[in-house]
């Protein structure tokens, strides 16, 4: 199982903030 975060029209700062929210929930950077 993986979570994939894709930026559409926002800037990269929001991408990083979403990633922080998901890693706080227990996700880790993907192996691949």
ModelCIF file with pLDDT and N, C-alpha, C, O atoms, coordinates in Angstrom:
data_MODEL
#
_entry.id   MODEL 
#
_entity.id                         1 
_entity.type                       polymer 
_entity.pdbx_number_of_molecules   1 
#
_entity_poly.entity_id                      1 
_entity_poly.type                           'polypeptide(L)' 
_entity_poly.nstd_linkage                   no 
_entity_poly.nstd_monomer                   no 
_entity_poly.pdbx_seq_one_letter_code       
;(UNK)(UNK)(UNK)(UNK)(UNK)(UNK)(UNK)(UNK)(UNK)(UNK)(UNK)(UNK)(UNK)(UNK)(UNK)(UNK)
(UNK)(UNK)(UNK)(UNK)(UNK)(UNK)(UNK)(UNK)(UNK)(UNK)(UNK)(UNK)(UNK)(UNK)(UNK)(UNK)
;
_entity_poly.pdbx_seq_one_letter_code_can   XXXXXXXXXXXXXXXXXXXXXXXXXXXXXXXX 
_entity_poly.pdbx_strand_id                 A 
#
loop_
_entity_poly_seq.entity_id 
_entity_poly_seq.num 
_entity_poly_seq.mon_id 
_entity_poly_seq.hetero 
1 1  UNK n 
1 2  UNK n 
1 3  UNK n 
1 4  UNK n 
1 5  UNK n 
1 6  UNK n 
1 7  UNK n 
1 8  UNK n 
1 9  UNK n 
1 10 UNK n 
1 11 UNK n 
1 12 UNK n 
1 13 UNK n 
1 14 UNK n 
1 15 UNK n 
1 16 UNK n 
1 17 UNK n 
1 18 UNK n 
1 19 UNK n 
1 20 UNK n 
1 21 UNK n 
1 22 UNK n 
1 23 UNK n 
1 24 UNK n 
1 25 UNK n 
1 26 UNK n 
1 27 UNK n 
1 28 UNK n 
1 29 UNK n 
1 30 UNK n 
1 31 UNK n 
1 32 UNK n 
#
_struct_asym.id          A 
_struct_asym.entity_id   1 
#
loop_
_ma_qa_metric.id 
_ma_qa_metric.mode 
_ma_qa_metric.name 
_ma_qa_metric.software_group_id 
_ma_qa_metric.type 
1 global pLDDT . pLDDT 
2 local  pLDDT . pLDDT 
#
_ma_qa_metric_global.metric_id      1 
_ma_qa_metric_global.metric_value   93.66 
_ma_qa_metric_global.model_id       1 
_ma_qa_metric_global.ordinal_id     1 
#
loop_
_ma_qa_metric_local.label_asym_id 
_ma_qa_metric_local.label_comp_id 
_ma_qa_metric_local.label_seq_id 
_ma_qa_metric_local.metric_id 
_ma_qa_metric_local.metric_value 
_ma_qa_metric_local.model_id 
_ma_qa_metric_local.ordinal_id 
A UNK 1  2 97.00 1 1  
A UNK 2  2 97.00 1 2  
A UNK 3  2 97.00 1 3  
A UNK 4  2 96.00 1 4  
A UNK 5  2 96.00 1 5  
A UNK 6  2 95.00 1 6  
A UNK 7  2 93.00 1 7  
A UNK 8  2 93.00 1 8  
A UNK 9  2 89.00 1 9  
A UNK 10 2 86.00 1 10 
A UNK 11 2 88.00 1 11 
A UNK 12 2 91.00 1 12 
A UNK 13 2 94.00 1 13 
A UNK 14 2 94.00 1 14 
A UNK 15 2 93.00 1 15 
A UNK 16 2 94.00 1 16 
A UNK 17 2 95.00 1 17 
A UNK 18 2 95.00 1 18 
A UNK 19 2 95.00 1 19 
A UNK 20 2 95.00 1 20 
A UNK 21 2 96.00 1 21 
A UNK 22 2 96.00 1 22 
A UNK 23 2 96.00 1 23 
A UNK 24 2 96.00 1 24 
A UNK 25 2 96.00 1 25 
A UNK 26 2 95.00 1 26 
A UNK 27 2 96.00 1 27 
A UNK 28 2 96.00 1 28 
A UNK 29 2 94.00 1 29 
A UNK 30 2 92.00 1 30 
A UNK 31 2 86.00 1 31 
A UNK 32 2 85.00 1 32 
#
loop_
_atom_site.group_PDB 
_atom_site.id 
_atom_site.type_symbol 
_atom_site.label_atom_id 
_atom_site.label_alt_id 
_atom_site.label_comp_id 
_atom_site.label_asym_id 
_atom_site.label_entity_id 
_atom_site.label_seq_id 
_atom_site.pdbx_PDB_ins_code 
_atom_site.Cartn_x 
_atom_site.Cartn_y 
_atom_site.Cartn_z 
_atom_site.occupancy 
_atom_site.B_iso_or_equiv 
_atom_site.pdbx_formal_charge 
_atom_site.auth_seq_id 
_atom_site.auth_comp_id 
_atom_site.auth_asym_id 
_atom_site.auth_atom_id 
_atom_site.pdbx_PDB_model_num 
ATOM 1   N N  . UNK A 1 1  ? 0.858  -1.182 0.000   1.00 97.00 ? 1  UNK A N  1 
ATOM 2   C CA . UNK A 1 1  ? 0.000  0.000  0.000   1.00 97.00 ? 1  UNK A CA 1 
ATOM 3   C C  . UNK A 1 1  ? 0.892  1.229  0.000   1.00 97.00 ? 1  UNK A C  1 
ATOM 4   O O  . UNK A 1 1  ? 1.927  1.255  0.666   1.00 97.00 ? 1  UNK A O  1 
ATOM 5   N N  . UNK A 1 2  ? 0.485  2.251  -0.753  1.00 97.00 ? 2  UNK A N  1 
ATOM 6   C CA . UNK A 1 2  ? 1.245  3.497  -0.758  1.00 97.00 ? 2  UNK A CA 1 
ATOM 7   C C  . UNK A 1 2  ? 0.315  4.679  -0.893  1.00 97.00 ? 2  UNK A C  1 
ATOM 8   O O  . UNK A 1 2  ? -0.790 4.569  -1.423  1.00 97.00 ? 2  UNK A O  1 
ATOM 9   N N  . UNK A 1 3  ? 0.784  5.817  -0.402  1.00 97.00 ? 3  UNK A N  1 
ATOM 10  C CA . UNK A 1 3  ? 0.089  7.082  -0.599  1.00 97.00 ? 3  UNK A CA 1 
ATOM 11  C C  . UNK A 1 3  ? 0.905  7.892  -1.599  1.00 97.00 ? 3  UNK A C  1 
ATOM 12  O O  . UNK A 1 3  ? 2.113  8.064  -1.444  1.00 97.00 ? 3  UNK A O  1 
ATOM 13  N N  . UNK A 1 4  ? 0.228  8.379  -2.615  1.00 96.00 ? 4  UNK A N  1 
ATOM 14  C CA . UNK A 1 4  ? 0.884  9.138  -3.673  1.00 96.00 ? 4  UNK A CA 1 
ATOM 15  C C  . UNK A 1 4  ? 0.329  10.559 -3.645  1.00 96.00 ? 4  UNK A C  1 
ATOM 16  O O  . UNK A 1 4  ? -0.876 10.763 -3.798  1.00 96.00 ? 4  UNK A O  1 
ATOM 17  N N  . UNK A 1 5  ? 1.208  11.537 -3.450  1.00 96.00 ? 5  UNK A N  1 
ATOM 18  C CA . UNK A 1 5  ? 0.803  12.944 -3.392  1.00 96.00 ? 5  UNK A CA 1 
ATOM 19  C C  . UNK A 1 5  ? 1.247  13.605 -4.685  1.00 96.00 ? 5  UNK A C  1 
ATOM 20  O O  . UNK A 1 5  ? 2.442  13.658 -4.976  1.00 96.00 ? 5  UNK A O  1 
ATOM 21  N N  . UNK A 1 6  ? 0.308  14.106 -5.456  1.00 95.00 ? 6  UNK A N  1 
ATOM 22  C CA . UNK A 1 6  ? 0.657  14.748 -6.724  1.00 95.00 ? 6  UNK A CA 1 
ATOM 23  C C  . UNK A 1 6  ? 0.238  16.212 -6.717  1.00 95.00 ? 6  UNK A C  1 
ATOM 24  O O  . UNK A 1 6  ? -0.915 16.545 -6.442  1.00 95.00 ? 6  UNK A O  1 
ATOM 25  N N  . UNK A 1 7  ? 1.192  17.071 -7.023  1.00 93.00 ? 7  UNK A N  1 
ATOM 26  C CA . UNK A 1 7  ? 0.936  18.499 -7.095  1.00 93.00 ? 7  UNK A CA 1 
ATOM 27  C C  . UNK A 1 7  ? 0.191  18.812 -8.386  1.00 93.00 ? 7  UNK A C  1 
ATOM 28  O O  . UNK A 1 7  ? 0.557  18.338 -9.462  1.00 93.00 ? 7  UNK A O  1 
ATOM 29  N N  . UNK A 1 8  ? -0.851 19.613 -8.262  1.00 93.00 ? 8  UNK A N  1 
ATOM 30  C CA . UNK A 1 8  ? -1.612 20.016 -9.446  1.00 93.00 ? 8  UNK A CA 1 
ATOM 31  C C  . UNK A 1 8  ? -1.400 21.495 -9.763  1.00 93.00 ? 8  UNK A C  1 
ATOM 32  O O  . UNK A 1 8  ? -0.680 21.829 -10.704 1.00 93.00 ? 8  UNK A O  1 
ATOM 33  N N  . UNK A 1 9  ? -2.029 22.395 -8.973  1.00 89.00 ? 9  UNK A N  1 
ATOM 34  C CA . UNK A 1 9  ? -1.872 23.824 -9.254  1.00 89.00 ? 9  UNK A CA 1 
ATOM 35  C C  . UNK A 1 9  ? -1.246 24.590 -8.101  1.00 89.00 ? 9  UNK A C  1 
ATOM 36  O O  . UNK A 1 9  ? -1.011 25.791 -8.233  1.00 89.00 ? 9  UNK A O  1 
ATOM 37  N N  . UNK A 1 10 ? -0.971 23.953 -6.989  1.00 86.00 ? 10 UNK A N  1 
ATOM 38  C CA . UNK A 1 10 ? -0.372 24.629 -5.837  1.00 86.00 ? 10 UNK A CA 1 
ATOM 39  C C  . UNK A 1 10 ? 1.143  24.707 -6.007  1.00 86.00 ? 10 UNK A C  1 
ATOM 40  O O  . UNK A 1 10 ? 1.691  24.215 -6.993  1.00 86.00 ? 10 UNK A O  1 
ATOM 41  N N  . UNK A 1 11 ? 1.811  25.327 -5.040  1.00 88.00 ? 11 UNK A N  1 
ATOM 42  C CA . UNK A 1 11 ? 3.269  25.358 -5.078  1.00 88.00 ? 11 UNK A CA 1 
ATOM 43  C C  . UNK A 1 11 ? 3.827  24.191 -4.269  1.00 88.00 ? 11 UNK A C  1 
ATOM 44  O O  . UNK A 1 11 ? 3.089  23.467 -3.600  1.00 88.00 ? 11 UNK A O  1 
ATOM 45  N N  . UNK A 1 12 ? 5.130  24.028 -4.347  1.00 91.00 ? 12 UNK A N  1 
ATOM 46  C CA . UNK A 1 12 ? 5.764  22.866 -3.712  1.00 91.00 ? 12 UNK A CA 1 
ATOM 47  C C  . UNK A 1 12 ? 5.699  22.918 -2.191  1.00 91.00 ? 12 UNK A C  1 
ATOM 48  O O  . UNK A 1 12 ? 5.829  21.891 -1.526  1.00 91.00 ? 12 UNK A O  1 
ATOM 49  N N  . UNK A 1 13 ? 5.498  24.106 -1.643  1.00 94.00 ? 13 UNK A N  1 
ATOM 50  C CA . UNK A 1 13 ? 5.388  24.202 -0.191  1.00 94.00 ? 13 UNK A CA 1 
ATOM 51  C C  . UNK A 1 13 ? 4.192  23.402 0.312   1.00 94.00 ? 13 UNK A C  1 
ATOM 52  O O  . UNK A 1 13 ? 4.286  22.727 1.337   1.00 94.00 ? 13 UNK A O  1 
ATOM 53  N N  . UNK A 1 14 ? 3.072  23.471 -0.395  1.00 94.00 ? 14 UNK A N  1 
ATOM 54  C CA . UNK A 1 14 ? 1.894  22.704 0.016   1.00 94.00 ? 14 UNK A CA 1 
ATOM 55  C C  . UNK A 1 14 ? 2.164  21.208 -0.116  1.00 94.00 ? 14 UNK A C  1 
ATOM 56  O O  . UNK A 1 14 ? 1.718  20.423 0.720   1.00 94.00 ? 14 UNK A O  1 
ATOM 57  N N  . UNK A 1 15 ? 2.885  20.811 -1.153  1.00 93.00 ? 15 UNK A N  1 
ATOM 58  C CA . UNK A 1 15 ? 3.250  19.401 -1.312  1.00 93.00 ? 15 UNK A CA 1 
ATOM 59  C C  . UNK A 1 15 ? 4.015  18.917 -0.079  1.00 93.00 ? 15 UNK A C  1 
ATOM 60  O O  . UNK A 1 15 ? 3.741  17.837 0.445   1.00 93.00 ? 15 UNK A O  1 
ATOM 61  N N  . UNK A 1 16 ? 4.964  19.717 0.376   1.00 94.00 ? 16 UNK A N  1 
ATOM 62  C CA . UNK A 1 16 ? 5.757  19.337 1.546   1.00 94.00 ? 16 UNK A CA 1 
ATOM 63  C C  . UNK A 1 16 ? 4.889  19.275 2.801   1.00 94.00 ? 16 UNK A C  1 
ATOM 64  O O  . UNK A 1 16 ? 5.060  18.385 3.634   1.00 94.00 ? 16 UNK A O  1 
ATOM 65  N N  . UNK A 1 17 ? 3.954  20.223 2.934   1.00 95.00 ? 17 UNK A N  1 
ATOM 66  C CA . UNK A 1 17 ? 3.092  20.231 4.121   1.00 95.00 ? 17 UNK A CA 1 
ATOM 67  C C  . UNK A 1 17 ? 2.150  19.022 4.148   1.00 95.00 ? 17 UNK A C  1 
ATOM 68  O O  . UNK A 1 17 ? 1.890  18.453 5.208   1.00 95.00 ? 17 UNK A O  1 
ATOM 69  N N  . UNK A 1 18 ? 1.644  18.638 2.977   1.00 95.00 ? 18 UNK A N  1 
ATOM 70  C CA . UNK A 1 18 ? 0.804  17.437 2.910   1.00 95.00 ? 18 UNK A CA 1 
ATOM 71  C C  . UNK A 1 18 ? 1.629  16.206 3.273   1.00 95.00 ? 18 UNK A C  1 
ATOM 72  O O  . UNK A 1 18 ? 1.158  15.328 3.996   1.00 95.00 ? 18 UNK A O  1 
ATOM 73  N N  . UNK A 1 19 ? 2.857  16.145 2.772   1.00 95.00 ? 19 UNK A N  1 
ATOM 74  C CA . UNK A 1 19 ? 3.730  15.015 3.092   1.00 95.00 ? 19 UNK A CA 1 
ATOM 75  C C  . UNK A 1 19 ? 3.987  14.940 4.590   1.00 95.00 ? 19 UNK A C  1 
ATOM 76  O O  . UNK A 1 19 ? 3.992  13.852 5.166   1.00 95.00 ? 19 UNK A O  1 
ATOM 77  N N  . UNK A 1 20 ? 4.202  16.088 5.223   1.00 95.00 ? 20 UNK A N  1 
ATOM 78  C CA . UNK A 1 20 ? 4.412  16.096 6.676   1.00 95.00 ? 20 UNK A CA 1 
ATOM 79  C C  . UNK A 1 20 ? 3.185  15.561 7.403   1.00 95.00 ? 20 UNK A C  1 
ATOM 80  O O  . UNK A 1 20 ? 3.309  14.802 8.363   1.00 95.00 ? 20 UNK A O  1 
ATOM 81  N N  . UNK A 1 21 ? 2.014  15.954 6.949   1.00 96.00 ? 21 UNK A N  1 
ATOM 82  C CA . UNK A 1 21 ? 0.771  15.488 7.584   1.00 96.00 ? 21 UNK A CA 1 
ATOM 83  C C  . UNK A 1 21 ? 0.661  13.963 7.470   1.00 96.00 ? 21 UNK A C  1 
ATOM 84  O O  . UNK A 1 21 ? 0.261  13.291 8.421   1.00 96.00 ? 21 UNK A O  1 
ATOM 85  N N  . UNK A 1 22 ? 1.017  13.427 6.306   1.00 96.00 ? 22 UNK A N  1 
ATOM 86  C CA . UNK A 1 22 ? 0.892  11.982 6.093   1.00 96.00 ? 22 UNK A CA 1 
ATOM 87  C C  . UNK A 1 22 ? 1.982  11.204 6.821   1.00 96.00 ? 22 UNK A C  1 
ATOM 88  O O  . UNK A 1 22 ? 1.720  10.110 7.322   1.00 96.00 ? 22 UNK A O  1 
ATOM 89  N N  . UNK A 1 23 ? 3.177  11.735 6.890   1.00 96.00 ? 23 UNK A N  1 
ATOM 90  C CA . UNK A 1 23 ? 4.236  11.032 7.632   1.00 96.00 ? 23 UNK A CA 1 
ATOM 91  C C  . UNK A 1 23 ? 3.953  11.050 9.127   1.00 96.00 ? 23 UNK A C  1 
ATOM 92  O O  . UNK A 1 23 ? 4.283  10.098 9.834   1.00 96.00 ? 23 UNK A O  1 
ATOM 93  N N  . UNK A 1 24 ? 3.343  12.126 9.612   1.00 96.00 ? 24 UNK A N  1 
ATOM 94  C CA . UNK A 1 24 ? 2.948  12.158 11.031  1.00 96.00 ? 24 UNK A CA 1 
ATOM 95  C C  . UNK A 1 24 ? 1.936  11.064 11.336  1.00 96.00 ? 24 UNK A C  1 
ATOM 96  O O  . UNK A 1 24 ? 1.831  10.604 12.473  1.00 96.00 ? 24 UNK A O  1 
ATOM 97  N N  . UNK A 1 25 ? 1.185  10.647 10.305  1.00 96.00 ? 25 UNK A N  1 
ATOM 98  C CA . UNK A 1 25 ? 0.189  9.589  10.497  1.00 96.00 ? 25 UNK A CA 1 
ATOM 99  C C  . UNK A 1 25 ? 0.794  8.192  10.407  1.00 96.00 ? 25 UNK A C  1 
ATOM 100 O O  . UNK A 1 25 ? 0.102  7.200  10.636  1.00 96.00 ? 25 UNK A O  1 
ATOM 101 N N  . UNK A 1 26 ? 2.102  8.107  10.069  1.00 95.00 ? 26 UNK A N  1 
ATOM 102 C CA . UNK A 1 26 ? 2.757  6.799  10.046  1.00 95.00 ? 26 UNK A CA 1 
ATOM 103 C C  . UNK A 1 26 ? 3.365  6.391  8.724   1.00 95.00 ? 26 UNK A C  1 
ATOM 104 O O  . UNK A 1 26 ? 3.992  5.335  8.638   1.00 95.00 ? 26 UNK A O  1 
ATOM 105 N N  . UNK A 1 27 ? 3.197  7.199  7.686   1.00 96.00 ? 27 UNK A N  1 
ATOM 106 C CA . UNK A 1 27 ? 3.794  6.861  6.388   1.00 96.00 ? 27 UNK A CA 1 
ATOM 107 C C  . UNK A 1 27 ? 5.296  7.155  6.406   1.00 96.00 ? 27 UNK A C  1 
ATOM 108 O O  . UNK A 1 27 ? 5.776  7.959  7.204   1.00 96.00 ? 27 UNK A O  1 
ATOM 109 N N  . UNK A 1 28 ? 6.023  6.488  5.513   1.00 96.00 ? 28 UNK A N  1 
ATOM 110 C CA . UNK A 1 28 ? 7.470  6.687  5.382   1.00 96.00 ? 28 UNK A CA 1 
ATOM 111 C C  . UNK A 1 28 ? 7.799  6.828  3.896   1.00 96.00 ? 28 UNK A C  1 
ATOM 112 O O  . UNK A 1 28 ? 7.038  6.350  3.055   1.00 96.00 ? 28 UNK A O  1 
ATOM 113 N N  . UNK A 1 29 ? 8.923  7.478  3.555   1.00 94.00 ? 29 UNK A N  1 
ATOM 114 C CA . UNK A 1 29 ? 9.293  7.577  2.138   1.00 94.00 ? 29 UNK A CA 1 
ATOM 115 C C  . UNK A 1 29 ? 9.325  6.212  1.469   1.00 94.00 ? 29 UNK A C  1 
ATOM 116 O O  . UNK A 1 29 ? 9.803  5.238  2.051   1.00 94.00 ? 29 UNK A O  1 
ATOM 117 N N  . UNK A 1 30 ? 8.813  6.145  0.243   1.00 92.00 ? 30 UNK A N  1 
ATOM 118 C CA . UNK A 1 30 ? 8.694  4.867  -0.465  1.00 92.00 ? 30 UNK A CA 1 
ATOM 119 C C  . UNK A 1 30 ? 10.058 4.284  -0.786  1.00 92.00 ? 30 UNK A C  1 
ATOM 120 O O  . UNK A 1 30 ? 11.029 5.010  -0.998  1.00 92.00 ? 30 UNK A O  1 
ATOM 121 N N  . UNK A 1 31 ? 10.113 2.953  -0.819  1.00 86.00 ? 31 UNK A N  1 
ATOM 122 C CA . UNK A 1 31 ? 11.349 2.250  -1.159  1.00 86.00 ? 31 UNK A CA 1 
ATOM 123 C C  . UNK A 1 31 ? 11.694 2.384  -2.631  1.00 86.00 ? 31 UNK A C  1 
ATOM 124 O O  . UNK A 1 31 ? 12.859 2.241  -3.002  1.00 86.00 ? 31 UNK A O  1 
ATOM 125 N N  . UNK A 1 32 ? 10.710 2.658  -3.480  1.00 85.00 ? 32 UNK A N  1 
ATOM 126 C CA . UNK A 1 32 ? 10.930 2.732  -4.920  1.00 85.00 ? 32 UNK A CA 1 
ATOM 127 C C  . UNK A 1 32 ? 10.321 4.025  -5.459  1.00 85.00 ? 32 UNK A C  1 
ATOM 128 O O  . UNK A 1 32 ? 10.394 4.289  -6.659  1.00 85.00 ? 32 UNK A O  1 
#
